[in-house]
Amino acid sequence: MLKDVNDSLEDARDLVKLLKGVPAKINLIPFNPWPGSNYQCSDWETIERFADFINQAGYASPIRTPRGRDIFAACGQLKSESERMRKTERMAYEAMMIANHGED
């Protein structure tokens, strides 16, 4: 779910129209942002409204639980981000992420 890209009720209506008569399950996947990304994750309330609309139209629409966001580990993000860094930068970055994770 991308904030202001594909998360509006109009987008949900369009999706329901597109799938009319097609048995389907719609997995809603909150976007996992990373440094330098031009996109943001939809607000949780927006995702829930979208899911409710899809459900009321008769389609299952589970919302995936985001995991690994805090360390950019979702969908290979940690690897792609760390590969762009020099070893010393990567070590400092990983230490910072571990320190920040401990504050939860």
PDB file of N, CA and C in Angstrom:
ATOM      1  N   MET A   1       0.849  -1.168   0.000  1.00  0.00           N
ATOM      2  CA  MET A   1       0.000   0.000   0.000  1.00  0.00           C
ATOM      3  C   MET A   1       0.899   1.236   0.000  1.00  0.00           C
ATOM      4  N   LEU A   2       0.796   2.019  -1.062  1.00  0.00           N
ATOM      5  CA  LEU A   2       1.600   3.225  -1.217  1.00  0.00           C
ATOM      6  C   LEU A   2       0.752   4.460  -0.943  1.00  0.00           C
ATOM      7  N   LYS A   3       1.213   5.274  -0.006  1.00  0.00           N
ATOM      8  CA  LYS A   3       0.479   6.483   0.385  1.00  0.00           C
ATOM      9  C   LYS A   3       0.240   7.383  -0.822  1.00  0.00           C
ATOM     10  N   ASP A   4      -1.036   7.737  -1.029  1.00  0.00           N
ATOM     11  CA  ASP A   4      -1.459   8.645  -2.096  1.00  0.00           C
ATOM     12  C   ASP A   4      -1.149   8.134  -3.509  1.00  0.00           C
ATOM     13  N   VAL A   5      -0.880   6.828  -3.641  1.00  0.00           N
ATOM     14  CA  VAL A   5      -0.625   6.240  -4.956  1.00  0.00           C
ATOM     15  C   VAL A   5      -1.699   5.214  -5.302  1.00  0.00           C
ATOM     16  N   ASN A   6      -1.946   4.276  -4.367  1.00  0.00           N
ATOM     17  CA  ASN A   6      -2.921   3.217  -4.656  1.00  0.00           C
ATOM     18  C   ASN A   6      -3.753   2.857  -3.427  1.00  0.00           C
ATOM     19  N   ASP A   7      -4.005   3.832  -2.566  1.00  0.00           N
ATOM     20  CA  ASP A   7      -4.662   3.516  -1.291  1.00  0.00           C
ATOM     21  C   ASP A   7      -5.995   4.226  -1.059  1.00  0.00           C
ATOM     22  N   SER A   8      -6.523   4.884  -2.075  1.00  0.00           N
ATOM     23  CA  SER A   8      -7.775   5.619  -1.881  1.00  0.00           C
ATOM     24  C   SER A   8      -8.984   4.695  -2.025  1.00  0.00           C
ATOM     25  N   LEU A   9     -10.129   5.170  -1.562  1.00  0.00           N
ATOM     26  CA  LEU A   9     -11.360   4.399  -1.760  1.00  0.00           C
ATOM     27  C   LEU A   9     -11.700   4.304  -3.247  1.00  0.00           C
ATOM     28  N   GLU A  10     -11.327   5.301  -4.020  1.00  0.00           N
ATOM     29  CA  GLU A  10     -11.516   5.230  -5.473  1.00  0.00           C
ATOM     30  C   GLU A  10     -10.673   4.081  -6.055  1.00  0.00           C
ATOM     31  N   ASP A  11      -9.450   3.932  -5.556  1.00  0.00           N
ATOM     32  CA  ASP A  11      -8.606   2.810  -5.997  1.00  0.00           C
ATOM     33  C   ASP A  11      -9.248   1.473  -5.623  1.00  0.00           C
ATOM     34  N   ALA A  12      -9.836   1.417  -4.428  1.00  0.00           N
ATOM     35  CA  ALA A  12     -10.505   0.192  -3.992  1.00  0.00           C
ATOM     36  C   ALA A  12     -11.698  -0.105  -4.895  1.00  0.00           C
ATOM     37  N   ARG A  13     -12.471   0.920  -5.236  1.00  0.00           N
ATOM     38  CA  ARG A  13     -13.623   0.741  -6.142  1.00  0.00           C
ATOM     39  C   ARG A  13     -13.168   0.232  -7.506  1.00  0.00           C
ATOM     40  N   ASP A  14     -12.095   0.831  -8.023  1.00  0.00           N
ATOM     41  CA  ASP A  14     -11.561   0.409  -9.322  1.00  0.00           C
ATOM     42  C   ASP A  14     -11.111  -1.052  -9.275  1.00  0.00           C
ATOM     43  N   LEU A  15     -10.499  -1.439  -8.186  1.00  0.00           N
ATOM     44  CA  LEU A  15     -10.036  -2.824  -8.030  1.00  0.00           C
ATOM     45  C   LEU A  15     -11.221  -3.790  -8.007  1.00  0.00           C
ATOM     46  N   VAL A  16     -12.260  -3.432  -7.275  1.00  0.00           N
ATOM     47  CA  VAL A  16     -13.462  -4.273  -7.209  1.00  0.00           C
ATOM     48  C   VAL A  16     -14.098  -4.393  -8.597  1.00  0.00           C
ATOM     49  N   LYS A  17     -14.159  -3.278  -9.332  1.00  0.00           N
ATOM     50  CA  LYS A  17     -14.703  -3.316 -10.699  1.00  0.00           C
ATOM     51  C   LYS A  17     -13.864  -4.223 -11.594  1.00  0.00           C
ATOM     52  N   LEU A  18     -12.561  -4.105 -11.483  1.00  0.00           N
ATOM     53  CA  LEU A  18     -11.649  -4.909 -12.294  1.00  0.00           C
ATOM     54  C   LEU A  18     -11.826  -6.407 -12.019  1.00  0.00           C
ATOM     55  N   LEU A  19     -12.067  -6.751 -10.774  1.00  0.00           N
ATOM     56  CA  LEU A  19     -12.178  -8.157 -10.377  1.00  0.00           C
ATOM     57  C   LEU A  19     -13.603  -8.703 -10.421  1.00  0.00           C
ATOM     58  N   LYS A  20     -14.549  -7.880 -10.834  1.00  0.00           N
ATOM     59  CA  LYS A  20     -15.951  -8.312 -10.831  1.00  0.00           C
ATOM     60  C   LYS A  20     -16.097  -9.677 -11.515  1.00  0.00           C
ATOM     61  N   GLY A  21     -16.686 -10.623 -10.766  1.00  0.00           N
ATOM     62  CA  GLY A  21     -16.908 -11.962 -11.293  1.00  0.00           C
ATOM     63  C   GLY A  21     -15.705 -12.880 -11.222  1.00  0.00           C
ATOM     64  N   VAL A  22     -14.587 -12.384 -10.743  1.00  0.00           N
ATOM     65  CA  VAL A  22     -13.375 -13.198 -10.629  1.00  0.00           C
ATOM     66  C   VAL A  22     -13.180 -13.560  -9.164  1.00  0.00           C
ATOM     67  N   PRO A  23     -13.167 -14.863  -8.836  1.00  0.00           N
ATOM     68  CA  PRO A  23     -12.901 -15.215  -7.442  1.00  0.00           C
ATOM     69  C   PRO A  23     -11.444 -14.851  -7.103  1.00  0.00           C
ATOM     70  N   ALA A  24     -11.258 -14.073  -6.069  1.00  0.00           N
ATOM     71  CA  ALA A  24      -9.909 -13.612  -5.743  1.00  0.00           C
ATOM     72  C   ALA A  24      -9.775 -13.317  -4.261  1.00  0.00           C
ATOM     73  N   LYS A  25      -8.553 -13.351  -3.808  1.00  0.00           N
ATOM     74  CA  LYS A  25      -8.165 -12.906  -2.468  1.00  0.00           C
ATOM     75  C   LYS A  25      -7.153 -11.790  -2.701  1.00  0.00           C
ATOM     76  N   ILE A  26      -7.321 -10.687  -2.014  1.00  0.00           N
ATOM     77  CA  ILE A  26      -6.464  -9.523  -2.229  1.00  0.00           C
ATOM     78  C   ILE A  26      -5.601  -9.306  -0.996  1.00  0.00           C
ATOM     79  N   ASN A  27      -4.323  -9.631  -1.114  1.00  0.00           N
ATOM     80  CA  ASN A  27      -3.387  -9.408  -0.014  1.00  0.00           C
ATOM     81  C   ASN A  27      -2.953  -7.943  -0.035  1.00  0.00           C
ATOM     82  N   LEU A  28      -3.198  -7.252   1.050  1.00  0.00           N
ATOM     83  CA  LEU A  28      -2.782  -5.852   1.164  1.00  0.00           C
ATOM     84  C   LEU A  28      -1.439  -5.823   1.880  1.00  0.00           C
ATOM     85  N   ILE A  29      -0.442  -5.315   1.193  1.00  0.00           N
ATOM     86  CA  ILE A  29       0.922  -5.336   1.708  1.00  0.00           C
ATOM     87  C   ILE A  29       1.391  -3.906   1.953  1.00  0.00           C
ATOM     88  N   PRO A  30       1.527  -3.515   3.225  1.00  0.00           N
ATOM     89  CA  PRO A  30       2.046  -2.173   3.519  1.00  0.00           C
ATOM     90  C   PRO A  30       3.470  -2.027   2.973  1.00  0.00           C
ATOM     91  N   PHE A  31       3.719  -0.911   2.329  1.00  0.00           N
ATOM     92  CA  PHE A  31       5.033  -0.635   1.746  1.00  0.00           C
ATOM     93  C   PHE A  31       6.085  -0.509   2.844  1.00  0.00           C
ATOM     94  N   ASN A  32       7.248  -1.065   2.598  1.00  0.00           N
ATOM     95  CA  ASN A  32       8.376  -0.944   3.524  1.00  0.00           C
ATOM     96  C   ASN A  32       9.336   0.112   2.981  1.00  0.00           C
ATOM     97  N   PRO A  33       9.281   1.319   3.535  1.00  0.00           N
ATOM     98  CA  PRO A  33      10.142   2.394   3.018  1.00  0.00           C
ATOM     99  C   PRO A  33      11.618   2.151   3.316  1.00  0.00           C
ATOM    100  N   TRP A  34      12.468   2.758   2.511  1.00  0.00           N
ATOM    101  CA  TRP A  34      13.906   2.689   2.726  1.00  0.00           C
ATOM    102  C   TRP A  34      14.497   4.044   2.367  1.00  0.00           C
ATOM    103  N   PRO A  35      15.695   4.336   2.838  1.00  0.00           N
ATOM    104  CA  PRO A  35      16.313   5.637   2.557  1.00  0.00           C
ATOM    105  C   PRO A  35      16.414   5.885   1.054  1.00  0.00           C
ATOM    106  N   GLY A  36      15.983   7.042   0.631  1.00  0.00           N
ATOM    107  CA  GLY A  36      16.048   7.414  -0.767  1.00  0.00           C
ATOM    108  C   GLY A  36      14.804   7.058  -1.564  1.00  0.00           C
ATOM    109  N   SER A  37      13.870   6.366  -0.957  1.00  0.00           N
ATOM    110  CA  SER A  37      12.645   5.993  -1.656  1.00  0.00           C
ATOM    111  C   SER A  37      11.756   7.218  -1.823  1.00  0.00           C
ATOM    112  N   ASN A  38      11.071   7.287  -2.950  1.00  0.00           N
ATOM    113  CA  ASN A  38      10.138   8.386  -3.194  1.00  0.00           C
ATOM    114  C   ASN A  38       8.746   8.069  -2.675  1.00  0.00           C
ATOM    115  N   TYR A  39       8.550   6.888  -2.103  1.00  0.00           N
ATOM    116  CA  TYR A  39       7.240   6.458  -1.650  1.00  0.00           C
ATOM    117  C   TYR A  39       7.189   6.337  -0.136  1.00  0.00           C
ATOM    118  N   GLN A  40       5.955   6.385   0.385  1.00  0.00           N
ATOM    119  CA  GLN A  40       5.716   6.184   1.808  1.00  0.00           C
ATOM    120  C   GLN A  40       4.627   5.135   1.960  1.00  0.00           C
ATOM    121  N   CYS A  41       4.602   4.520   3.111  1.00  0.00           N
ATOM    122  CA  CYS A  41       3.548   3.564   3.409  1.00  0.00           C
ATOM    123  C   CYS A  41       2.262   4.317   3.736  1.00  0.00           C
ATOM    124  N   SER A  42       1.156   3.742   3.291  1.00  0.00           N
ATOM    125  CA  SER A  42      -0.147   4.306   3.632  1.00  0.00           C
ATOM    126  C   SER A  42      -0.331   4.305   5.136  1.00  0.00           C
ATOM    127  N   ASP A  43      -1.102   5.254   5.645  1.00  0.00           N
ATOM    128  CA  ASP A  43      -1.445   5.269   7.069  1.00  0.00           C
ATOM    129  C   ASP A  43      -2.254   4.026   7.385  1.00  0.00           C
ATOM    130  N   TRP A  44      -2.108   3.524   8.611  1.00  0.00           N
ATOM    131  CA  TRP A  44      -2.794   2.296   9.003  1.00  0.00           C
ATOM    132  C   TRP A  44      -4.314   2.438   8.858  1.00  0.00           C
ATOM    133  N   GLU A  45      -4.856   3.591   9.225  1.00  0.00           N
ATOM    134  CA  GLU A  45      -6.293   3.818   9.113  1.00  0.00           C
ATOM    135  C   GLU A  45      -6.751   3.747   7.651  1.00  0.00           C
ATOM    136  N   THR A  46      -5.945   4.264   6.755  1.00  0.00           N
ATOM    137  CA  THR A  46      -6.258   4.226   5.327  1.00  0.00           C
ATOM    138  C   THR A  46      -6.263   2.792   4.823  1.00  0.00           C
ATOM    139  N   ILE A  47      -5.285   2.017   5.242  1.00  0.00           N
ATOM    140  CA  ILE A  47      -5.214   0.611   4.844  1.00  0.00           C
ATOM    141  C   ILE A  47      -6.436  -0.145   5.355  1.00  0.00           C
ATOM    142  N   GLU A  48      -6.827   0.122   6.605  1.00  0.00           N
ATOM    143  CA  GLU A  48      -7.997  -0.560   7.170  1.00  0.00           C
ATOM    144  C   GLU A  48      -9.281  -0.176   6.434  1.00  0.00           C
ATOM    145  N   ARG A  49      -9.436   1.105   6.077  1.00  0.00           N
ATOM    146  CA  ARG A  49     -10.615   1.530   5.307  1.00  0.00           C
ATOM    147  C   ARG A  49     -10.649   0.836   3.943  1.00  0.00           C
ATOM    148  N   PHE A  50      -9.494   0.752   3.308  1.00  0.00           N
ATOM    149  CA  PHE A  50      -9.370   0.083   2.016  1.00  0.00           C
ATOM    150  C   PHE A  50      -9.772  -1.384   2.164  1.00  0.00           C
ATOM    151  N   ALA A  51      -9.246  -2.050   3.187  1.00  0.00           N
ATOM    152  CA  ALA A  51      -9.556  -3.466   3.435  1.00  0.00           C
ATOM    153  C   ALA A  51     -11.039  -3.653   3.715  1.00  0.00           C
ATOM    154  N   ASP A  52     -11.627  -2.774   4.509  1.00  0.00           N
ATOM    155  CA  ASP A  52     -13.058  -2.869   4.819  1.00  0.00           C
ATOM    156  C   ASP A  52     -13.902  -2.759   3.547  1.00  0.00           C
ATOM    157  N   PHE A  53     -13.546  -1.837   2.675  1.00  0.00           N
ATOM    158  CA  PHE A  53     -14.292  -1.670   1.425  1.00  0.00           C
ATOM    159  C   PHE A  53     -14.204  -2.945   0.586  1.00  0.00           C
ATOM    160  N   ILE A  54     -13.016  -3.491   0.465  1.00  0.00           N
ATOM    161  CA  ILE A  54     -12.805  -4.717  -0.319  1.00  0.00           C
ATOM    162  C   ILE A  54     -13.588  -5.877   0.299  1.00  0.00           C
ATOM    163  N   ASN A  55     -13.543  -5.980   1.631  1.00  0.00           N
ATOM    164  CA  ASN A  55     -14.292  -7.035   2.323  1.00  0.00           C
ATOM    165  C   ASN A  55     -15.792  -6.901   2.086  1.00  0.00           C
ATOM    166  N   GLN A  56     -16.311  -5.693   2.175  1.00  0.00           N
ATOM    167  CA  GLN A  56     -17.746  -5.466   1.970  1.00  0.00           C
ATOM    168  C   GLN A  56     -18.170  -5.802   0.542  1.00  0.00           C
ATOM    169  N   ALA A  57     -17.219  -5.758  -0.381  1.00  0.00           N
ATOM    170  CA  ALA A  57     -17.507  -6.117  -1.771  1.00  0.00           C
ATOM    171  C   ALA A  57     -17.444  -7.637  -1.972  1.00  0.00           C
ATOM    172  N   GLY A  58     -17.100  -8.365  -0.907  1.00  0.00           N
ATOM    173  CA  GLY A  58     -17.103  -9.821  -0.976  1.00  0.00           C
ATOM    174  C   GLY A  58     -15.755 -10.478  -1.208  1.00  0.00           C
ATOM    175  N   TYR A  59     -14.691  -9.714  -1.107  1.00  0.00           N
ATOM    176  CA  TYR A  59     -13.352 -10.272  -1.310  1.00  0.00           C
ATOM    177  C   TYR A  59     -12.580 -10.303   0.007  1.00  0.00           C
ATOM    178  N   ALA A  60     -11.891 -11.397   0.239  1.00  0.00           N
ATOM    179  CA  ALA A  60     -10.989 -11.464   1.392  1.00  0.00           C
ATOM    180  C   ALA A  60      -9.832 -10.508   1.115  1.00  0.00           C
ATOM    181  N   SER A  61      -9.456  -9.743   2.127  1.00  0.00           N
ATOM    182  CA  SER A  61      -8.363  -8.784   1.932  1.00  0.00           C
ATOM    183  C   SER A  61      -7.520  -8.670   3.200  1.00  0.00           C
ATOM    184  N   PRO A  62      -6.772  -9.739   3.508  1.00  0.00           N
ATOM    185  CA  PRO A  62      -5.925  -9.674   4.697  1.00  0.00           C
ATOM    186  C   PRO A  62      -4.819  -8.630   4.530  1.00  0.00           C
ATOM    187  N   ILE A  63      -4.502  -7.984   5.640  1.00  0.00           N
ATOM    188  CA  ILE A  63      -3.411  -7.004   5.657  1.00  0.00           C
ATOM    189  C   ILE A  63      -2.180  -7.729   6.185  1.00  0.00           C
ATOM    190  N   ARG A  64      -1.144  -7.758   5.387  1.00  0.00           N
ATOM    191  CA  ARG A  64       0.090  -8.421   5.803  1.00  0.00           C
ATOM    192  C   ARG A  64       0.733  -7.651   6.957  1.00  0.00           C
ATOM    193  N   THR A  65       1.279  -8.378   7.899  1.00  0.00           N
ATOM    194  CA  THR A  65       1.973  -7.751   9.022  1.00  0.00           C
ATOM    195  C   THR A  65       3.381  -7.371   8.588  1.00  0.00           C
ATOM    196  N   PRO A  66       3.707  -6.068   8.644  1.00  0.00           N
ATOM    197  CA  PRO A  66       5.061  -5.649   8.261  1.00  0.00           C
ATOM    198  C   PRO A  66       6.091  -6.180   9.265  1.00  0.00           C
ATOM    199  N   ARG A  67       7.137  -6.748   8.756  1.00  0.00           N
ATOM    200  CA  ARG A  67       8.226  -7.238   9.616  1.00  0.00           C
ATOM    201  C   ARG A  67       9.556  -6.780   9.046  1.00  0.00           C
ATOM    202  N   GLY A  68      10.479  -6.504   9.924  1.00  0.00           N
ATOM    203  CA  GLY A  68      11.820  -6.138   9.490  1.00  0.00           C
ATOM    204  C   GLY A  68      11.987  -4.699   9.064  1.00  0.00           C
ATOM    205  N   ARG A  69      10.952  -3.887   9.205  1.00  0.00           N
ATOM    206  CA  ARG A  69      11.069  -2.487   8.809  1.00  0.00           C
ATOM    207  C   ARG A  69      12.142  -1.755   9.587  1.00  0.00           C
ATOM    208  N   ASP A  70      12.205  -2.039  10.876  1.00  0.00           N
ATOM    209  CA  ASP A  70      13.106  -1.275  11.742  1.00  0.00           C
ATOM    210  C   ASP A  70      14.565  -1.471  11.384  1.00  0.00           C
ATOM    211  N   ILE A  71      14.897  -2.551  10.690  1.00  0.00           N
ATOM    212  CA  ILE A  71      16.294  -2.777  10.302  1.00  0.00           C
ATOM    213  C   ILE A  71      16.433  -2.902   8.792  1.00  0.00           C
ATOM    214  N   PHE A  72      15.430  -2.429   8.042  1.00  0.00           N
ATOM    215  CA  PHE A  72      15.436  -2.502   6.582  1.00  0.00           C
ATOM    216  C   PHE A  72      15.680  -3.925   6.087  1.00  0.00           C
ATOM    217  N   ALA A  73      15.125  -4.906   6.786  1.00  0.00           N
ATOM    218  CA  ALA A  73      15.340  -6.297   6.419  1.00  0.00           C
ATOM    219  C   ALA A  73      14.217  -6.852   5.551  1.00  0.00           C
ATOM    220  N   ALA A  74      13.140  -6.124   5.400  1.00  0.00           N
ATOM    221  CA  ALA A  74      12.012  -6.637   4.627  1.00  0.00           C
ATOM    222  C   ALA A  74      12.354  -6.672   3.141  1.00  0.00           C
ATOM    223  N   CYS A  75      12.008  -7.752   2.510  1.00  0.00           N
ATOM    224  CA  CYS A  75      12.160  -7.915   1.057  1.00  0.00           C
ATOM    225  C   CYS A  75      13.570  -7.599   0.570  1.00  0.00           C
ATOM    226  N   GLY A  76      14.578  -7.937   1.330  1.00  0.00           N
ATOM    227  CA  GLY A  76      15.952  -7.749   0.891  1.00  0.00           C
ATOM    228  C   GLY A  76      16.473  -6.339   1.004  1.00  0.00           C
ATOM    229  N   GLN A  77      15.757  -5.471   1.698  1.00  0.00           N
ATOM    230  CA  GLN A  77      16.179  -4.077   1.777  1.00  0.00           C
ATOM    231  C   GLN A  77      17.515  -3.912   2.482  1.00  0.00           C
ATOM    232  N   LEU A  78      17.747  -4.675   3.543  1.00  0.00           N
ATOM    233  CA  LEU A  78      19.006  -4.541   4.264  1.00  0.00           C
ATOM    234  C   LEU A  78      20.168  -4.869   3.338  1.00  0.00           C
ATOM    235  N   LYS A  79      20.026  -5.931   2.575  1.00  0.00           N
ATOM    236  CA  LYS A  79      21.080  -6.320   1.659  1.00  0.00           C
ATOM    237  C   LYS A  79      21.324  -5.237   0.618  1.00  0.00           C
ATOM    238  N   SER A  80      20.280  -4.748  -0.036  1.00  0.00           N
ATOM    239  CA  SER A  80      20.474  -3.770  -1.097  1.00  0.00           C
ATOM    240  C   SER A  80      21.053  -2.469  -0.556  1.00  0.00           C
ATOM    241  N   GLU A  81      20.582  -2.038   0.629  1.00  0.00           N
ATOM    242  CA  GLU A  81      21.109  -0.808   1.219  1.00  0.00           C
ATOM    243  C   GLU A  81      22.565  -0.994   1.635  1.00  0.00           C
ATOM    244  N   SER A  82      22.869  -2.127   2.256  1.00  0.00           N
ATOM    245  CA  SER A  82      24.225  -2.318   2.770  1.00  0.00           C
ATOM    246  C   SER A  82      25.225  -2.557   1.648  1.00  0.00           C
ATOM    247  N   GLU A  83      24.788  -3.103   0.526  1.00  0.00           N
ATOM    248  CA  GLU A  83      25.716  -3.342  -0.569  1.00  0.00           C
ATOM    249  C   GLU A  83      26.212  -2.040  -1.186  1.00  0.00           C
ATOM    250  N   ARG A  84      25.452  -0.966  -1.052  1.00  0.00           N
ATOM    251  CA  ARG A  84      25.856   0.321  -1.603  1.00  0.00           C
ATOM    252  C   ARG A  84      26.865   1.032  -0.700  1.00  0.00           C
ATOM    253  N   MET A  85      27.060   0.545   0.502  1.00  0.00           N
ATOM    254  CA  MET A  85      27.936   1.211   1.462  1.00  0.00           C
ATOM    255  C   MET A  85      29.315   0.562   1.503  1.00  0.00           C
ATOM    256  N   ARG A  86      30.292   1.371   1.852  1.00  0.00           N
ATOM    257  CA  ARG A  86      31.616   0.830   2.134  1.00  0.00           C
ATOM    258  C   ARG A  86      31.538   0.070   3.448  1.00  0.00           C
ATOM    259  N   LYS A  87      32.509  -0.790   3.670  1.00  0.00           N
ATOM    260  CA  LYS A  87      32.488  -1.634   4.861  1.00  0.00           C
ATOM    261  C   LYS A  87      32.382  -0.805   6.134  1.00  0.00           C
ATOM    262  N   THR A  88      33.156   0.272   6.258  1.00  0.00           N
ATOM    263  CA  THR A  88      33.113   1.084   7.482  1.00  0.00           C
ATOM    264  C   THR A  88      31.759   1.758   7.651  1.00  0.00           C
ATOM    265  N   GLU A  89      31.188   2.240   6.544  1.00  0.00           N
ATOM    266  CA  GLU A  89      29.854   2.835   6.613  1.00  0.00           C
ATOM    267  C   GLU A  89      28.821   1.794   7.015  1.00  0.00           C
ATOM    268  N   ARG A  90      28.931   0.596   6.440  1.00  0.00           N
ATOM    269  CA  ARG A  90      27.990  -0.475   6.731  1.00  0.00           C
ATOM    270  C   ARG A  90      28.052  -0.868   8.205  1.00  0.00           C
ATOM    271  N   MET A  91      29.272  -0.956   8.745  1.00  0.00           N
ATOM    272  CA  MET A  91      29.427  -1.333  10.150  1.00  0.00           C
ATOM    273  C   MET A  91      28.818  -0.260  11.062  1.00  0.00           C
ATOM    274  N   ALA A  92      29.048   1.016  10.745  1.00  0.00           N
ATOM    275  CA  ALA A  92      28.486   2.104  11.545  1.00  0.00           C
ATOM    276  C   ALA A  92      26.963   2.111  11.432  1.00  0.00           C
ATOM    277  N   TYR A  93      26.460   1.897  10.235  1.00  0.00           N
ATOM    278  CA  TYR A  93      25.016   1.858  10.005  1.00  0.00           C
ATOM    279  C   TYR A  93      24.378   0.712  10.790  1.00  0.00           C
ATOM    280  N   GLU A  94      24.965  -0.475  10.715  1.00  0.00           N
ATOM    281  CA  GLU A  94      24.422  -1.635  11.423  1.00  0.00           C
ATOM    282  C   GLU A  94      24.452  -1.415  12.937  1.00  0.00           C
ATOM    283  N   ALA A  95      25.528  -0.791  13.443  1.00  0.00           N
ATOM    284  CA  ALA A  95      25.610  -0.499  14.877  1.00  0.00           C
ATOM    285  C   ALA A  95      24.518   0.483  15.290  1.00  0.00           C
ATOM    286  N   MET A  96      24.272   1.489  14.456  1.00  0.00           N
ATOM    287  CA  MET A  96      23.219   2.461  14.747  1.00  0.00           C
ATOM    288  C   MET A  96      21.850   1.776  14.751  1.00  0.00           C
ATOM    289  N   MET A  97      21.593   0.905  13.778  1.00  0.00           N
ATOM    290  CA  MET A  97      20.307   0.219  13.699  1.00  0.00           C
ATOM    291  C   MET A  97      20.100  -0.695  14.912  1.00  0.00           C
ATOM    292  N   ILE A  98      21.149  -1.357  15.353  1.00  0.00           N
ATOM    293  CA  ILE A  98      21.048  -2.223  16.542  1.00  0.00           C
ATOM    294  C   ILE A  98      20.774  -1.373  17.765  1.00  0.00           C
ATOM    295  N   ALA A  99      21.478  -0.234  17.881  1.00  0.00           N
ATOM    296  CA  ALA A  99      21.259   0.661  19.038  1.00  0.00           C
ATOM    297  C   ALA A  99      19.846   1.207  19.038  1.00  0.00           C
ATOM    298  N   ASN A 100      19.338   1.615  17.888  1.00  0.00           N
ATOM    299  CA  ASN A 100      17.974   2.140  17.792  1.00  0.00           C
ATOM    300  C   ASN A 100      16.943   1.069  18.048  1.00  0.00           C
ATOM    301  N   HIS A 101      17.208  -0.131  17.632  1.00  0.00           N
ATOM    302  CA  HIS A 101      16.259  -1.237  17.831  1.00  0.00           C
ATOM    303  C   HIS A 101      16.119  -1.537  19.312  1.00  0.00           C
ATOM    304  N   GLY A 102      17.166  -1.357  20.061  1.00  0.00           N
ATOM    305  CA  GLY A 102      17.130  -1.625  21.484  1.00  0.00           C
ATOM    306  C   GLY A 102      16.299  -0.624  22.272  1.00  0.00           C
ATOM    307  N   GLU A 103      15.929   0.513  21.637  1.00  0.00           N
ATOM    308  CA  GLU A 103      15.142   1.540  22.320  1.00  0.00           C
ATOM    309  C   GLU A 103      13.649   1.251  22.305  1.00  0.00           C
ATOM    310  N   ASP A 104      13.205   0.244  21.556  1.00  0.00           N
ATOM    311  CA  ASP A 104      11.766  -0.071  21.445  1.00  0.00           C
ATOM    312  C   ASP A 104      11.176  -0.480  22.760  1.00  0.00           C
TER     313      ASP A 104
END
